[in-house]
C-alpha cells in the first residue's frame, strides 16, 4: 500500500472510531435515562405503599377510637351498676 491508501484507510478507521464513540455516548445516555426511570418507578411504588399504609393507619386509628369509646361506655355502665 502506498501512503495515500494508508492515510485513506486510517481516515476510514478514524470515522469508525468516532461513530462508535458517539454510539457509546448515546447508549450511555439511554442507560442513564433508564436508570432514572427505574428510580422513578421505585419512588412511585414506595409512594403508593406509603399512601396505602396511611389509609390503613387511618382505619386503625378510627377502630382504636371506637374501641376506646366502647371501653369508656362499658366502664361507666359497670360503675353505674356497681353503685346502684
PDB file of N, CA and C in Angstrom:
ATOM      1  N   UNK A   1       0.839  -1.189   0.000  1.00  0.00           N
ATOM      2  CA  UNK A   1       0.000   0.000   0.000  1.00  0.00           C
ATOM      3  C   UNK A   1       0.874   1.238   0.000  1.00  0.00           C
ATOM      4  N   UNK A   2       0.410   2.206  -0.763  1.00  0.00           N
ATOM      5  CA  UNK A   2       1.157   3.458  -0.777  1.00  0.00           C
ATOM      6  C   UNK A   2       0.624   4.381   0.324  1.00  0.00           C
ATOM      7  N   UNK A   3       1.278   5.493   0.477  1.00  0.00           N
ATOM      8  CA  UNK A   3       0.975   6.460   1.522  1.00  0.00           C
ATOM      9  C   UNK A   3      -0.477   6.901   1.480  1.00  0.00           C
ATOM     10  N   UNK A   4      -0.991   7.255   0.307  1.00  0.00           N
ATOM     11  CA  UNK A   4      -2.358   7.757   0.171  1.00  0.00           C
ATOM     12  C   UNK A   4      -3.372   6.685   0.572  1.00  0.00           C
ATOM     13  N   UNK A   5      -3.121   5.442   0.216  1.00  0.00           N
ATOM     14  CA  UNK A   5      -4.025   4.357   0.597  1.00  0.00           C
ATOM     15  C   UNK A   5      -4.012   4.142   2.115  1.00  0.00           C
ATOM     16  N   UNK A   6      -2.817   4.215   2.713  1.00  0.00           N
ATOM     17  CA  UNK A   6      -2.708   4.066   4.160  1.00  0.00           C
ATOM     18  C   UNK A   6      -3.450   5.179   4.890  1.00  0.00           C
ATOM     19  N   UNK A   7      -3.282   6.392   4.396  1.00  0.00           N
ATOM     20  CA  UNK A   7      -3.983   7.534   5.002  1.00  0.00           C
ATOM     21  C   UNK A   7      -5.488   7.372   4.819  1.00  0.00           C
ATOM     22  N   UNK A   8      -5.921   6.908   3.649  1.00  0.00           N
ATOM     23  CA  UNK A   8      -7.339   6.677   3.380  1.00  0.00           C
ATOM     24  C   UNK A   8      -7.919   5.627   4.343  1.00  0.00           C
ATOM     25  N   UNK A   9      -7.177   4.540   4.557  1.00  0.00           N
ATOM     26  CA  UNK A   9      -7.622   3.506   5.491  1.00  0.00           C
ATOM     27  C   UNK A   9      -7.669   4.043   6.923  1.00  0.00           C
ATOM     28  N   UNK A  10      -6.686   4.849   7.247  1.00  0.00           N
ATOM     29  CA  UNK A  10      -6.641   5.421   8.579  1.00  0.00           C
ATOM     30  C   UNK A  10      -7.832   6.366   8.796  1.00  0.00           C
ATOM     31  N   UNK A  11      -8.215   7.134   7.784  1.00  0.00           N
ATOM     32  CA  UNK A  11      -9.367   8.029   7.895  1.00  0.00           C
ATOM     33  C   UNK A  11     -10.663   7.222   8.072  1.00  0.00           C
ATOM     34  N   UNK A  12     -10.770   6.101   7.342  1.00  0.00           N
ATOM     35  CA  UNK A  12     -11.938   5.235   7.499  1.00  0.00           C
ATOM     36  C   UNK A  12     -12.000   4.680   8.932  1.00  0.00           C
ATOM     37  N   UNK A  13     -10.838   4.274   9.426  1.00  0.00           N
ATOM     38  CA  UNK A  13     -10.778   3.757  10.791  1.00  0.00           C
ATOM     39  C   UNK A  13     -11.158   4.846  11.792  1.00  0.00           C
ATOM     40  N   UNK A  14     -10.667   6.053  11.556  1.00  0.00           N
ATOM     41  CA  UNK A  14     -10.994   7.186  12.432  1.00  0.00           C
ATOM     42  C   UNK A  14     -12.487   7.458  12.403  1.00  0.00           C
ATOM     43  N   UNK A  15     -13.123   7.393  11.243  1.00  0.00           N
ATOM     44  CA  UNK A  15     -14.580   7.572  11.135  1.00  0.00           C
ATOM     45  C   UNK A  15     -15.315   6.517  11.958  1.00  0.00           C
ATOM     46  N   UNK A  16     -14.835   5.261  11.864  1.00  0.00           N
ATOM     47  CA  UNK A  16     -15.452   4.185  12.645  1.00  0.00           C
ATOM     48  C   UNK A  16     -15.294   4.439  14.138  1.00  0.00           C
ATOM     49  N   UNK A  17     -14.095   4.892  14.551  1.00  0.00           N
ATOM     50  CA  UNK A  17     -13.858   5.197  15.959  1.00  0.00           C
ATOM     51  C   UNK A  17     -14.792   6.303  16.454  1.00  0.00           C
ATOM     52  N   UNK A  18     -14.911   7.369  15.673  1.00  0.00           N
ATOM     53  CA  UNK A  18     -15.783   8.482  16.055  1.00  0.00           C
ATOM     54  C   UNK A  18     -17.242   8.035  16.124  1.00  0.00           C
ATOM     55  N   UNK A  19     -17.658   7.214  15.148  1.00  0.00           N
ATOM     56  CA  UNK A  19     -19.025   6.696  15.141  1.00  0.00           C
ATOM     57  C   UNK A  19     -19.274   5.841  16.388  1.00  0.00           C
ATOM     58  N   UNK A  20     -18.331   4.945  16.693  1.00  0.00           N
ATOM     59  CA  UNK A  20     -18.501   4.085  17.859  1.00  0.00           C
ATOM     60  C   UNK A  20     -18.507   4.885  19.158  1.00  0.00           C
ATOM     61  N   UNK A  21     -17.659   5.907  19.236  1.00  0.00           N
ATOM     62  CA  UNK A  21     -17.660   6.749  20.434  1.00  0.00           C
ATOM     63  C   UNK A  21     -19.007   7.457  20.608  1.00  0.00           C
ATOM     64  N   UNK A  22     -19.553   7.966  19.525  1.00  0.00           N
ATOM     65  CA  UNK A  22     -20.849   8.649  19.627  1.00  0.00           C
ATOM     66  C   UNK A  22     -21.955   7.661  19.970  1.00  0.00           C
ATOM     67  N   UNK A  23     -21.866   6.438  19.436  1.00  0.00           N
ATOM     68  CA  UNK A  23     -22.854   5.420  19.757  1.00  0.00           C
ATOM     69  C   UNK A  23     -22.762   5.009  21.234  1.00  0.00           C
ATOM     70  N   UNK A  24     -21.543   4.883  21.726  1.00  0.00           N
ATOM     71  CA  UNK A  24     -21.359   4.554  23.143  1.00  0.00           C
ATOM     72  C   UNK A  24     -21.941   5.654  24.025  1.00  0.00           C
ATOM     73  N   UNK A  25     -21.679   6.904  23.676  1.00  0.00           N
ATOM     74  CA  UNK A  25     -22.240   8.022  24.439  1.00  0.00           C
ATOM     75  C   UNK A  25     -23.761   8.013  24.385  1.00  0.00           C
ATOM     76  N   UNK A  26     -24.303   7.761  23.213  1.00  0.00           N
ATOM     77  CA  UNK A  26     -25.756   7.706  23.057  1.00  0.00           C
ATOM     78  C   UNK A  26     -26.347   6.594  23.912  1.00  0.00           C
ATOM     79  N   UNK A  27     -25.722   5.415  23.864  1.00  0.00           N
ATOM     80  CA  UNK A  27     -26.200   4.281  24.659  1.00  0.00           C
ATOM     81  C   UNK A  27     -26.067   4.568  26.154  1.00  0.00           C
ATOM     82  N   UNK A  28     -25.003   5.226  26.547  1.00  0.00           N
ATOM     83  CA  UNK A  28     -24.811   5.575  27.956  1.00  0.00           C
ATOM     84  C   UNK A  28     -25.892   6.542  28.412  1.00  0.00           C
ATOM     85  N   UNK A  29     -26.235   7.489  27.562  1.00  0.00           N
ATOM     86  CA  UNK A  29     -27.308   8.431  27.883  1.00  0.00           C
ATOM     87  C   UNK A  29     -28.632   7.698  28.061  1.00  0.00           C
ATOM     88  N   UNK A  30     -28.916   6.784  27.159  1.00  0.00           N
ATOM     89  CA  UNK A  30     -30.148   5.988  27.255  1.00  0.00           C
ATOM     90  C   UNK A  30     -30.134   5.160  28.531  1.00  0.00           C
ATOM     91  N   UNK A  31     -28.993   4.543  28.828  1.00  0.00           N
ATOM     92  CA  UNK A  31     -28.881   3.741  30.047  1.00  0.00           C
ATOM     93  C   UNK A  31     -29.149   4.594  31.275  1.00  0.00           C
ATOM     94  N   UNK A  32     -28.561   5.780  31.326  1.00  0.00           N
ATOM     95  CA  UNK A  32     -28.780   6.676  32.457  1.00  0.00           C
ATOM     96  C   UNK A  32     -30.249   7.060  32.589  1.00  0.00           C
ATOM     97  N   UNK A  33     -30.896   7.330  31.456  1.00  0.00           N
ATOM     98  CA  UNK A  33     -32.321   7.662  31.482  1.00  0.00           C
ATOM     99  C   UNK A  33     -33.142   6.481  31.982  1.00  0.00           C
ATOM    100  N   UNK A  34     -32.787   5.288  31.541  1.00  0.00           N
ATOM    101  CA  UNK A  34     -33.495   4.093  32.007  1.00  0.00           C
ATOM    102  C   UNK A  34     -33.274   3.877  33.499  1.00  0.00           C
ATOM    103  N   UNK A  35     -32.051   4.130  33.955  1.00  0.00           N
ATOM    104  CA  UNK A  35     -31.770   4.020  35.388  1.00  0.00           C
ATOM    105  C   UNK A  35     -32.641   5.005  36.170  1.00  0.00           C
ATOM    106  N   UNK A  36     -32.764   6.228  35.677  1.00  0.00           N
ATOM    107  CA  UNK A  36     -33.600   7.227  36.329  1.00  0.00           C
ATOM    108  C   UNK A  36     -35.063   6.813  36.309  1.00  0.00           C
ATOM    109  N   UNK A  37     -35.503   6.254  35.196  1.00  0.00           N
ATOM    110  CA  UNK A  37     -36.892   5.804  35.111  1.00  0.00           C
ATOM    111  C   UNK A  37     -37.164   4.685  36.100  1.00  0.00           C
ATOM    112  N   UNK A  38     -36.207   3.798  36.273  1.00  0.00           N
ATOM    113  CA  UNK A  38     -36.373   2.736  37.268  1.00  0.00           C
ATOM    114  C   UNK A  38     -36.474   3.339  38.657  1.00  0.00           C
ATOM    115  N   UNK A  39     -35.665   4.357  38.925  1.00  0.00           N
ATOM    116  CA  UNK A  39     -35.747   5.029  40.215  1.00  0.00           C
ATOM    117  C   UNK A  39     -37.111   5.688  40.375  1.00  0.00           C
ATOM    118  N   UNK A  40     -37.601   6.297  39.313  1.00  0.00           N
ATOM    119  CA  UNK A  40     -38.923   6.920  39.355  1.00  0.00           C
ATOM    120  C   UNK A  40     -39.969   5.859  39.638  1.00  0.00           C
ATOM    121  N   UNK A  41     -39.828   4.716  38.993  1.00  0.00           N
ATOM    122  CA  UNK A  41     -40.771   3.622  39.228  1.00  0.00           C
ATOM    123  C   UNK A  41     -40.696   3.177  40.685  1.00  0.00           C
ATOM    124  N   UNK A  42     -39.497   3.097  41.220  1.00  0.00           N
ATOM    125  CA  UNK A  42     -39.339   2.719  42.622  1.00  0.00           C
ATOM    126  C   UNK A  42     -39.970   3.766  43.529  1.00  0.00           C
ATOM    127  N   UNK A  43     -39.737   5.031  43.202  1.00  0.00           N
ATOM    128  CA  UNK A  43     -40.326   6.106  44.002  1.00  0.00           C
ATOM    129  C   UNK A  43     -41.842   6.025  43.954  1.00  0.00           C
ATOM    130  N   UNK A  44     -42.403   5.803  42.781  1.00  0.00           N
ATOM    131  CA  UNK A  44     -43.853   5.674  42.655  1.00  0.00           C
ATOM    132  C   UNK A  44     -44.361   4.489  43.451  1.00  0.00           C
ATOM    133  N   UNK A  45     -43.648   3.384  43.372  1.00  0.00           N
ATOM    134  CA  UNK A  45     -44.040   2.189  44.103  1.00  0.00           C
ATOM    135  C   UNK A  45     -44.037   2.455  45.604  1.00  0.00           C
ATOM    136  N   UNK A  46     -42.998   3.092  46.079  1.00  0.00           N
ATOM    137  CA  UNK A  46     -42.903   3.408  47.508  1.00  0.00           C
ATOM    138  C   UNK A  46     -43.981   4.408  47.896  1.00  0.00           C
ATOM    139  N   UNK A  47     -44.235   5.398  47.029  1.00  0.00           N
ATOM    140  CA  UNK A  47     -45.275   6.381  47.324  1.00  0.00           C
ATOM    141  C   UNK A  47     -46.637   5.705  47.409  1.00  0.00           C
ATOM    142  N   UNK A  48     -46.912   4.761  46.528  1.00  0.00           N
ATOM    143  CA  UNK A  48     -48.173   4.022  46.585  1.00  0.00           C
ATOM    144  C   UNK A  48     -48.263   3.221  47.879  1.00  0.00           C
ATOM    145  N   UNK A  49     -47.152   2.629  48.281  1.00  0.00           N
ATOM    146  CA  UNK A  49     -47.137   1.873  49.531  1.00  0.00           C
ATOM    147  C   UNK A  49     -47.380   2.796  50.716  1.00  0.00           C
ATOM    148  N   UNK A  50     -46.772   3.967  50.700  1.00  0.00           N
ATOM    149  CA  UNK A  50     -46.980   4.939  51.774  1.00  0.00           C
ATOM    150  C   UNK A  50     -48.446   5.353  51.835  1.00  0.00           C
ATOM    151  N   UNK A  51     -49.028   5.627  50.688  1.00  0.00           N
ATOM    152  CA  UNK A  51     -50.437   6.004  50.638  1.00  0.00           C
ATOM    153  C   UNK A  51     -51.309   4.897  51.207  1.00  0.00           C
ATOM    154  N   UNK A  52     -51.044   3.668  50.814  1.00  0.00           N
ATOM    155  CA  UNK A  52     -51.807   2.526  51.321  1.00  0.00           C
ATOM    156  C   UNK A  52     -51.648   2.392  52.830  1.00  0.00           C
ATOM    157  N   UNK A  53     -50.427   2.561  53.315  1.00  0.00           N
ATOM    158  CA  UNK A  53     -50.179   2.460  54.753  1.00  0.00           C
ATOM    159  C   UNK A  53     -50.899   3.575  55.504  1.00  0.00           C
ATOM    160  N   UNK A  54     -50.965   4.762  54.932  1.00  0.00           N
ATOM    161  CA  UNK A  54     -51.686   5.865  55.568  1.00  0.00           C
ATOM    162  C   UNK A  54     -53.180   5.564  55.652  1.00  0.00           C
ATOM    163  N   UNK A  55     -53.714   4.963  54.609  1.00  0.00           N
ATOM    164  CA  UNK A  55     -55.130   4.570  54.625  1.00  0.00           C
ATOM    165  C   UNK A  55     -55.360   3.529  55.713  1.00  0.00           C
ATOM    166  N   UNK A  56     -54.483   2.533  55.775  1.00  0.00           N
ATOM    167  CA  UNK A  56     -54.592   1.504  56.806  1.00  0.00           C
ATOM    168  C   UNK A  56     -54.484   2.126  58.195  1.00  0.00           C
ATOM    169  N   UNK A  57     -53.556   3.050  58.359  1.00  0.00           N
ATOM    170  CA  UNK A  57     -53.372   3.719  59.638  1.00  0.00           C
ATOM    171  C   UNK A  57     -54.633   4.473  60.042  1.00  0.00           C
ATOM    172  N   UNK A  58     -55.228   5.161  59.093  1.00  0.00           N
ATOM    173  CA  UNK A  58     -56.457   5.898  59.362  1.00  0.00           C
ATOM    174  C   UNK A  58     -57.563   4.954  59.835  1.00  0.00           C
ATOM    175  N   UNK A  59     -57.690   3.812  59.187  1.00  0.00           N
ATOM    176  CA  UNK A  59     -58.708   2.822  59.586  1.00  0.00           C
ATOM    177  C   UNK A  59     -58.435   2.305  60.995  1.00  0.00           C
ATOM    178  N   UNK A  60     -57.169   2.024  61.270  1.00  0.00           N
ATOM    179  CA  UNK A  60     -56.803   1.509  62.592  1.00  0.00           C
ATOM    180  C   UNK A  60     -57.037   2.574  63.653  1.00  0.00           C
ATOM    181  N   UNK A  61     -56.722   3.827  63.352  1.00  0.00           N
ATOM    182  CA  UNK A  61     -56.971   4.907  64.310  1.00  0.00           C
ATOM    183  C   UNK A  61     -58.463   5.031  64.615  1.00  0.00           C
ATOM    184  N   UNK A  62     -59.269   4.933  63.581  1.00  0.00           N
ATOM    185  CA  UNK A  62     -60.719   5.011  63.773  1.00  0.00           C
ATOM    186  C   UNK A  62     -61.198   3.834  64.624  1.00  0.00           C
ATOM    187  N   UNK A  63     -60.709   2.640  64.329  1.00  0.00           N
ATOM    188  CA  UNK A  63     -61.088   1.464  65.098  1.00  0.00           C
ATOM    189  C   UNK A  63     -60.656   1.632  66.553  1.00  0.00           C
ATOM    190  N   UNK A  64     -59.461   2.158  66.783  1.00  0.00           N
ATOM    191  CA  UNK A  64     -58.967   2.371  68.134  1.00  0.00           C
ATOM    192  C   UNK A  64     -59.858   3.359  68.875  1.00  0.00           C
ATOM    193  N   UNK A  65     -60.241   4.443  68.211  1.00  0.00           N
ATOM    194  CA  UNK A  65     -61.132   5.427  68.833  1.00  0.00           C
ATOM    195  C   UNK A  65     -62.472   4.795  69.204  1.00  0.00           C
ATOM    196  N   UNK A  66     -63.014   3.985  68.299  1.00  0.00           N
ATOM    197  CA  UNK A  66     -64.288   3.308  68.580  1.00  0.00           C
ATOM    198  C   UNK A  66     -64.137   2.347  69.758  1.00  0.00           C
ATOM    199  N   UNK A  67     -63.030   1.620  69.792  1.00  0.00           N
ATOM    200  CA  UNK A  67     -62.787   0.698  70.909  1.00  0.00           C
ATOM    201  C   UNK A  67     -62.647   1.468  72.222  1.00  0.00           C
ATOM    202  N   UNK A  68     -61.956   2.607  72.159  1.00  0.00           N
ATOM    203  CA  UNK A  68     -61.782   3.430  73.349  1.00  0.00           C
ATOM    204  C   UNK A  68     -63.132   3.920  73.856  1.00  0.00           C
ATOM    205  N   UNK A  69     -63.973   4.388  72.946  1.00  0.00           N
ATOM    206  CA  UNK A  69     -65.307   4.830  73.334  1.00  0.00           C
ATOM    207  C   UNK A  69     -66.106   3.678  73.943  1.00  0.00           C
ATOM    208  N   UNK A  70     -65.979   2.502  73.367  1.00  0.00           N
ATOM    209  CA  UNK A  70     -66.681   1.327  73.885  1.00  0.00           C
ATOM    210  C   UNK A  70     -66.175   0.962  75.281  1.00  0.00           C
ATOM    211  N   UNK A  71     -64.871   1.035  75.487  1.00  0.00           N
ATOM    212  CA  UNK A  71     -64.289   0.757  76.795  1.00  0.00           C
ATOM    213  C   UNK A  71     -64.816   1.754  77.820  1.00  0.00           C
ATOM    214  N   UNK A  72     -64.859   3.016  77.452  1.00  0.00           N
ATOM    215  CA  UNK A  72     -65.363   4.054  78.366  1.00  0.00           C
ATOM    216  C   UNK A  72     -66.831   3.783  78.700  1.00  0.00           C
ATOM    217  N   UNK A  73     -67.634   3.493  77.681  1.00  0.00           N
ATOM    218  CA  UNK A  73     -69.064   3.205  77.929  1.00  0.00           C
ATOM    219  C   UNK A  73     -69.222   1.988  78.845  1.00  0.00           C
ATOM    220  N   UNK A  74     -68.438   0.965  78.587  1.00  0.00           N
ATOM    221  CA  UNK A  74     -68.506  -0.250  79.398  1.00  0.00           C
ATOM    222  C   UNK A  74     -68.109   0.041  80.838  1.00  0.00           C
ATOM    223  N   UNK A  75     -67.058   0.816  81.005  1.00  0.00           N
ATOM    224  CA  UNK A  75     -66.590   1.175  82.351  1.00  0.00           C
ATOM    225  C   UNK A  75     -67.663   1.972  83.090  1.00  0.00           C
ATOM    226  N   UNK A  76     -68.239   2.956  82.396  1.00  0.00           N
ATOM    227  CA  UNK A  76     -69.270   3.776  83.029  1.00  0.00           C
ATOM    228  C   UNK A  76     -70.499   2.938  83.382  1.00  0.00           C
ATOM    229  N   UNK A  77     -70.864   2.023  82.510  1.00  0.00           N
ATOM    230  CA  UNK A  77     -72.010   1.147  82.770  1.00  0.00           C
ATOM    231  C   UNK A  77     -71.737   0.268  83.974  1.00  0.00           C
ATOM    232  N   UNK A  78     -70.518  -0.303  84.023  1.00  0.00           N
ATOM    233  CA  UNK A  78     -70.143  -1.168  85.130  1.00  0.00           C
ATOM    234  C   UNK A  78     -70.131  -0.364  86.429  1.00  0.00           C
ATOM    235  N   UNK A  79     -69.594   0.837  86.357  1.00  0.00           N
ATOM    236  CA  UNK A  79     -69.515   1.712  87.517  1.00  0.00           C
ATOM    237  C   UNK A  79     -70.917   2.067  88.007  1.00  0.00           C
ATOM    238  N   UNK A  80     -71.820   2.350  87.092  1.00  0.00           N
ATOM    239  CA  UNK A  80     -73.189   2.713  87.428  1.00  0.00           C
ATOM    240  C   UNK A  80     -73.905   1.522  88.067  1.00  0.00           C
ATOM    241  N   UNK A  81     -73.673   0.330  87.519  1.00  0.00           N
ATOM    242  CA  UNK A  81     -74.324  -0.871  88.061  1.00  0.00           C
ATOM    243  C   UNK A  81     -73.787  -1.220  89.448  1.00  0.00           C
ATOM    244  N   UNK A  82     -72.516  -0.943  89.679  1.00  0.00           N
ATOM    245  CA  UNK A  82     -71.906  -1.225  90.973  1.00  0.00           C
ATOM    246  C   UNK A  82     -72.453  -0.280  92.034  1.00  0.00           C
ATOM    247  N   UNK A  83     -72.662   0.967  91.658  1.00  0.00           N
ATOM    248  CA  UNK A  83     -73.166   1.986  92.581  1.00  0.00           C
ATOM    249  C   UNK A  83     -74.645   1.736  92.865  1.00  0.00           C
ATOM    250  N   UNK A  84     -75.401   1.254  91.920  1.00  0.00           N
ATOM    251  CA  UNK A  84     -76.838   1.084  92.095  1.00  0.00           C
ATOM    252  C   UNK A  84     -77.207  -0.041  92.992  1.00  0.00           C
TER     253      UNK A  84
END
